Structure formats: structure tokens, C-alpha cells
Amino acid sequence: MEQGSAREGVRPPYAPGAYPGTPETVRVPEQLRGDRPRDGAAARGEHTHSEPPAPRVVRHSVRGQILEALRAALVDGELIPGQVYSAPALGARFGVSATPVREAMQQLAVEGAVEVVPNRGFRVSERGPRELAELAEVRALIEVPVMLRLARTVPAERWGTLRPLADATVAAAAVGDRASYAECDRAFHRAVLTLAGNEQLVAVADELHRRSQWPLVAGPATRRADLLADAAEHTALLDALIAQDLAVVQALVREHFTGADG
């Protein structure tokens, strides 16, 4: 069920094309499309483009934008589990040096999304159904009791303020945007858990939720119908919370985590 940061410009249309030495395309944030390597670039095996230069972002924000773009590529399945991607090649695609890409990849390694491959780059972690089921179980152990407690104590008007977040998941699902849906999904859950007043709880639950959104090895892509069904659960849950229908809340919360998609 969940919006992460407002990544203005980070998820506009991305340029097509494959990284050198990699089998897959990864979308490039529009505002990071500056001058590409030319002349000697082809001799070095780097991909070149003819797009006009775009405005550059300030240095301190580059790493964050690259990190968000890579996270979106993970959720979309554009970074393939088991494949190795190098920082220089990714940097060439993003129109930046390898340094902010490497920094972003190091953060993803800390999060468990990729593994460092010495002298080669970063391999996207391979996950199976068992890991996804384990994550869903842990999330349920943390979130279900909290949600049920909040259902008994939070007034209806407070739940009503979460309506835009539930609507945002429906809007993202309607267009089949998996990366945006993942952000909206986490935002909804964070907002619910924030009402418990425990920042550590919110941080731990959000990290588990993020990990549960990474694609499985050889797993099927998330269908638009699946996103719509998950988003509908957000809306139904919020309706039940506002109505203070505890029986429906309990059924919906447990069903939501059993599905392991939200």
C-alpha cells in the first residue's frame, strides 16, 4: 500500500539507449542530460548522443537525483537482477561523472539493492519469492498491530487528511507507473504509521517496504491490474478507518499484507 520525495524533474521522460557493456536500458533524468562525451568517446566504447545540452543541476543535488533515478529503475525492472553495471558507464548515460553515480550505488549497496563487484561495478541483487514472503511477514508483524491500535484511537477527521495520499496511489496505478506507485504506496503507509508517534517504527517499516518493492529474479513484471487492486485496498482501508469499522479494518489490513504487494 504507499509517495516518496517530490522528485521534480527526476522522472520526466528518459532517453532510450543501452549502457555500454550492459544488456538493458536505464532511463536518464532529463535535467541530468548535459553534454555527452564526444570525439574520443566512441573510441573508449562510451555511448554518445546528439541531444542539445540541458541545464545542469548543482553538484550537491546530483547524487540525490541519481539515487532516486536508480531506485526508480530498480522498481521498473530496468536494472536487471544479476547484471553488473559500472559507475563510469552509468555516469556517461546520466551526463555526469562517475563519482555521484558511485556514491549513489554505494548507498544502494548499504540498502542491499546491489552488491559491489571489485574492478567491475555493481551487481543488482537477486531475490527470490522466499525473501519477498519473509519481508511481508516481518512487515505484517510490525504494521498490523499498530494499524489496529490506531484504528481504535485516531479520530475519523485525522484519517480524512490521508485521502489525497490514497488517491495518489490510485492515480499512479491507473497509468501503470510502477516507480511512482511505489513512492505513493510508501507515502501512504508512512502517513498511517506516523500517527503512532514513533519515528523509529516509521523508519524501520519504510526500509522494509522499500526492499519489498524490488523485482524478483525472473519474476513477472507487476501488472497495471495488480497496482489497481492494491490501490483499491488503500482506499477501502481508509474508508473503513473513517467509518471506524474495526472488523473491516482488521480484515483489510491482514489481507493487504498477505498479498505481499503493498
Protein backbone atom coordinates (compact mmCIF):
# COMPACT_ATOMS: atom_id res chain seq x y z
CA MET A 1 0.00 0.00 0.00
CA GLU A 2 2.33 3.72 -0.23
CA GLN A 3 4.99 8.94 -2.07
CA GLY A 4 8.29 9.41 -1.52
CA SER A 5 10.02 12.64 -2.17
CA ALA A 6 8.68 15.00 -4.79
CA ARG A 7 11.29 14.34 -7.42
CA GLU A 8 10.57 17.18 -9.76
CA GLY A 9 12.44 16.58 -12.94
CA VAL A 10 13.88 13.28 -11.81
CA ARG A 11 11.21 11.19 -13.51
CA PRO A 12 10.39 13.16 -16.70
CA PRO A 13 10.82 11.30 -19.98
CA TYR A 14 14.08 9.39 -20.01
CA ALA A 15 16.29 8.94 -23.04
CA PRO A 16 16.46 5.46 -24.55
CA GLY A 17 19.68 3.61 -25.14
CA ALA A 18 21.78 0.90 -23.58
CA TYR A 19 24.77 1.37 -21.35
CA PRO A 20 28.00 0.10 -22.85
CA GLY A 21 28.60 -3.44 -21.78
CA THR A 22 25.15 -3.86 -20.27
CA PRO A 23 22.11 -5.61 -21.74
CA GLU A 24 19.43 -3.23 -20.56
CA THR A 25 18.34 0.37 -20.85
CA VAL A 26 18.05 2.70 -17.88
CA ARG A 27 16.16 5.94 -18.01
CA VAL A 28 18.04 9.18 -17.63
CA PRO A 29 16.65 12.16 -15.71
CA GLU A 30 16.04 14.99 -18.14
CA GLN A 31 17.81 17.64 -16.09
CA LEU A 32 20.92 15.47 -15.91
CA ARG A 33 21.21 15.28 -19.67
CA GLY A 34 24.07 17.66 -20.24
CA ASP A 35 26.90 17.47 -22.74
CA ARG A 36 27.80 13.89 -23.56
CA PRO A 37 31.37 12.70 -24.20
CA ARG A 38 32.28 13.28 -27.82
CA ASP A 39 35.18 12.65 -30.20
CA GLY A 40 37.20 10.14 -28.20
CA ALA A 41 34.09 8.76 -26.52
CA ALA A 42 33.40 6.24 -29.25
CA ALA A 43 36.98 5.04 -29.15
CA ARG A 44 36.58 4.43 -25.43
CA GLY A 45 33.43 2.42 -26.06
CA GLU A 46 31.17 5.02 -24.48
CA HIS A 47 27.67 5.74 -25.77
CA THR A 48 27.28 9.13 -27.43
CA HIS A 49 24.20 11.23 -28.06
CA SER A 50 23.32 14.23 -30.13
CA GLU A 51 20.77 15.85 -27.79
CA PRO A 52 21.34 19.53 -27.06
CA PRO A 53 22.80 20.16 -23.60
CA ALA A 54 20.30 20.57 -20.79
CA PRO A 55 20.67 22.78 -17.72
CA ARG A 56 22.91 21.20 -15.12
CA VAL A 57 21.82 20.65 -11.55
CA VAL A 58 24.01 21.94 -8.75
CA ARG A 59 26.60 19.43 -7.57
CA HIS A 60 25.16 18.78 -4.11
CA SER A 61 21.86 17.61 -5.58
CA VAL A 62 23.28 15.34 -8.28
CA ARG A 63 23.89 12.37 -6.02
CA GLY A 64 20.37 12.52 -4.63
CA GLN A 65 18.79 12.75 -8.06
CA ILE A 66 20.91 9.89 -9.38
CA LEU A 67 19.96 7.80 -6.34
CA GLU A 68 16.26 8.43 -6.88
CA ALA A 69 16.56 7.67 -10.60
CA LEU A 70 18.37 4.40 -9.88
CA ARG A 71 15.74 3.45 -7.31
CA ALA A 72 13.05 4.07 -9.90
CA ALA A 73 14.96 1.95 -12.43
CA LEU A 74 15.14 -0.87 -9.87
CA VAL A 75 11.39 -0.82 -9.28
CA ASP A 76 10.66 -0.60 -13.00
CA GLY A 77 12.91 -3.60 -13.67
CA GLU A 78 15.25 -1.58 -15.88
CA LEU A 79 18.20 -2.62 -13.72
CA ILE A 80 18.15 -6.39 -14.11
CA PRO A 81 18.81 -8.68 -11.14
CA GLY A 82 22.16 -10.42 -11.57
CA GLN A 83 23.53 -7.91 -14.10
CA VAL A 84 26.61 -5.79 -13.40
CA TYR A 85 26.58 -2.04 -14.10
CA SER A 86 29.66 0.17 -13.95
CA ALA A 87 29.68 3.68 -12.49
CA PRO A 88 31.55 5.23 -15.47
CA ALA A 89 29.09 3.74 -17.96
CA LEU A 90 26.09 4.85 -15.92
CA GLY A 91 27.68 8.26 -15.49
CA ALA A 92 28.04 8.60 -19.25
CA ARG A 93 24.34 7.89 -19.65
CA PHE A 94 23.38 10.38 -16.95
CA GLY A 95 25.76 13.02 -18.31
CA VAL A 96 27.68 13.24 -15.04
CA SER A 97 30.99 11.96 -13.73
CA ALA A 98 31.26 8.50 -12.24
CA THR A 99 31.60 9.91 -8.72
CA PRO A 100 27.94 10.75 -7.89
CA VAL A 101 26.84 7.51 -9.56
CA ARG A 102 29.33 5.53 -7.48
CA GLU A 103 28.16 7.33 -4.33
CA ALA A 104 24.53 6.53 -5.15
CA MET A 105 25.38 2.90 -5.89
CA GLN A 106 27.25 2.64 -2.58
CA GLN A 107 24.08 3.77 -0.83
CA LEU A 108 22.10 1.13 -2.72
CA ALA A 109 24.69 -1.42 -1.62
CA VAL A 110 24.12 -0.41 2.01
CA GLU A 111 20.39 -0.89 1.44
CA GLY A 112 21.01 -4.32 -0.10
CA ALA A 113 19.76 -3.45 -3.58
CA VAL A 114 23.14 -4.04 -5.25
CA GLU A 115 26.42 -5.78 -4.46
CA VAL A 116 29.88 -4.37 -5.06
CA VAL A 117 31.87 -6.28 -7.70
CA PRO A 118 35.55 -5.27 -7.39
CA ASN A 119 37.00 -3.72 -10.55
CA ARG A 120 33.71 -4.13 -12.41
CA GLY A 121 30.95 -2.15 -10.76
CA PHE A 122 27.74 -3.15 -9.02
CA ARG A 123 25.60 -6.24 -9.45
CA VAL A 124 21.86 -5.90 -8.91
CA SER A 125 20.89 -8.24 -6.08
CA GLU A 126 18.96 -11.38 -6.95
CA ARG A 127 15.89 -12.03 -4.84
CA GLY A 128 13.51 -14.94 -4.78
CA PRO A 129 9.90 -15.44 -3.63
CA ARG A 130 11.05 -16.66 -0.21
CA GLU A 131 12.75 -13.34 0.60
CA LEU A 132 9.66 -11.44 -0.50
CA ALA A 133 7.47 -13.63 1.72
CA GLU A 134 9.81 -13.10 4.67
CA LEU A 135 9.72 -9.33 4.18
CA ALA A 136 5.91 -9.42 4.04
CA GLU A 137 5.81 -11.45 7.27
CA VAL A 138 8.08 -9.05 9.13
CA ARG A 139 6.16 -6.03 7.85
CA ALA A 140 2.90 -7.60 8.98
CA LEU A 141 4.31 -8.27 12.45
CA ILE A 142 5.26 -4.59 12.74
CA GLU A 143 2.46 -2.77 10.95
CA VAL A 144 -0.70 -4.78 11.55
CA PRO A 145 -0.82 -4.35 15.37
CA VAL A 146 -0.02 -0.65 15.03
CA MET A 147 -2.73 -0.07 12.42
CA LEU A 148 -5.30 -1.91 14.50
CA ARG A 149 -4.38 0.13 17.58
CA LEU A 150 -4.59 3.36 15.58
CA ALA A 151 -8.00 2.30 14.22
CA ARG A 152 -9.30 2.34 17.81
CA THR A 153 -7.72 5.63 18.87
CA VAL A 154 -7.39 8.03 15.91
CA PRO A 155 -10.49 10.18 15.20
CA ALA A 156 -12.17 10.00 11.81
CA GLU A 157 -11.20 13.53 10.84
CA ARG A 158 -7.50 12.67 11.14
CA TRP A 159 -7.93 9.74 8.81
CA GLY A 160 -9.69 12.03 6.36
CA THR A 161 -6.49 14.04 5.89
CA LEU A 162 -4.87 10.97 4.33
CA ARG A 163 -7.35 10.89 1.46
CA PRO A 164 -5.03 12.66 -1.04
CA LEU A 165 -2.35 10.04 -0.41
CA ALA A 166 -4.76 7.19 -1.09
CA ASP A 167 -5.97 8.97 -4.22
CA ALA A 168 -2.35 9.38 -5.37
CA THR A 169 -1.83 5.60 -5.31
CA VAL A 170 -4.93 5.17 -7.47
CA ALA A 171 -3.72 7.79 -9.95
CA ALA A 172 -0.26 6.18 -10.27
CA ALA A 173 -1.81 2.73 -10.66
CA ALA A 174 -4.20 3.97 -13.34
CA VAL A 175 -1.32 4.86 -15.66
CA GLY A 176 0.73 1.79 -14.73
CA ASP A 177 3.67 3.84 -13.44
CA ARG A 178 5.35 1.34 -11.12
CA ALA A 179 8.05 3.66 -9.79
CA SER A 180 5.59 6.44 -8.94
CA TYR A 181 3.21 3.90 -7.47
CA ALA A 182 5.98 2.57 -5.23
CA GLU A 183 6.59 6.07 -3.87
CA CYS A 184 2.89 6.78 -3.34
CA ASP A 185 2.48 3.39 -1.71
CA ARG A 186 5.23 4.04 0.83
CA ALA A 187 3.95 7.57 1.45
CA PHE A 188 0.52 6.25 2.41
CA HIS A 189 1.98 3.70 4.81
CA ARG A 190 4.35 6.25 6.31
CA ALA A 191 1.49 8.66 6.92
CA VAL A 192 -0.55 5.96 8.67
CA LEU A 193 2.33 4.80 10.87
CA THR A 194 3.39 8.37 11.65
CA LEU A 195 0.16 8.71 13.62
CA ALA A 196 1.66 6.29 16.15
CA GLY A 197 4.25 8.93 17.06
CA ASN A 198 7.23 6.53 16.82
CA GLU A 199 9.87 7.75 14.37
CA GLN A 200 11.97 4.59 14.67
CA LEU A 201 8.96 2.46 13.80
CA VAL A 202 8.30 4.54 10.70
CA ALA A 203 11.94 4.36 9.57
CA VAL A 204 12.21 0.59 10.00
CA ALA A 205 8.86 -0.11 8.34
CA ASP A 206 9.68 2.18 5.40
CA GLU A 207 13.01 0.44 4.78
CA LEU A 208 11.35 -2.98 4.81
CA HIS A 209 8.66 -1.66 2.47
CA ARG A 210 11.25 -0.28 0.04
CA ARG A 211 13.07 -3.63 -0.07
CA SER A 212 9.82 -5.45 -0.73
CA GLN A 213 9.33 -3.39 -3.90
CA TRP A 214 12.49 -4.59 -5.67
CA PRO A 215 11.84 -7.05 -8.52
CA LEU A 216 12.31 -10.80 -8.19
CA VAL A 217 14.75 -12.84 -10.26
CA ALA A 218 12.92 -13.84 -13.44
CA GLY A 219 9.73 -12.66 -11.79
CA PRO A 220 6.81 -11.33 -13.82
CA ALA A 221 6.50 -7.58 -14.14
CA THR A 222 3.89 -6.02 -11.92
CA ARG A 223 0.75 -5.62 -13.98
CA ARG A 224 -1.37 -2.49 -14.06
CA ALA A 225 -4.29 -4.59 -12.77
CA ASP A 226 -2.21 -5.60 -9.74
CA LEU A 227 -1.40 -1.97 -8.97
CA LEU A 228 -5.07 -1.01 -9.29
CA ALA A 229 -6.12 -3.80 -6.92
CA ASP A 230 -3.51 -2.77 -4.36
CA ALA A 231 -4.51 0.89 -4.63
CA ALA A 232 -8.17 -0.06 -4.14
CA GLU A 233 -7.18 -1.67 -0.84
CA HIS A 234 -5.73 1.65 0.32
CA THR A 235 -8.99 3.41 -0.46
CA ALA A 236 -11.13 0.71 1.16
CA LEU A 237 -8.94 0.70 4.26
CA LEU A 238 -9.17 4.46 4.61
CA ASP A 239 -12.95 4.34 4.20
CA ALA A 240 -13.17 1.73 6.96
CA LEU A 241 -10.90 3.74 9.25
CA ILE A 242 -13.01 6.87 8.76
CA ALA A 243 -16.16 4.83 9.44
CA GLN A 244 -14.39 3.25 12.46
CA ASP A 245 -15.44 -0.19 11.25
CA LEU A 246 -12.83 -2.21 13.15
CA ALA A 247 -13.87 -5.59 11.76
CA VAL A 248 -13.40 -4.41 8.18
CA VAL A 249 -10.14 -2.65 9.07
CA GLN A 250 -8.72 -5.85 10.55
CA ALA A 251 -9.75 -7.93 7.54
CA LEU A 252 -8.35 -5.43 5.05
CA VAL A 253 -5.04 -4.94 6.86
CA ARG A 254 -4.36 -8.67 7.12
CA GLU A 255 -5.42 -9.27 3.51
CA HIS A 256 -3.21 -6.44 2.31
CA PHE A 257 -0.09 -7.93 3.85
CA THR A 258 -0.98 -11.46 2.82
CA GLY A 259 -0.93 -10.26 -0.77
CA ALA A 260 2.64 -9.01 -0.17
CA ASP A 261 2.39 -6.35 -2.91
CA GLY A 262 1.73 -3.29 -0.75
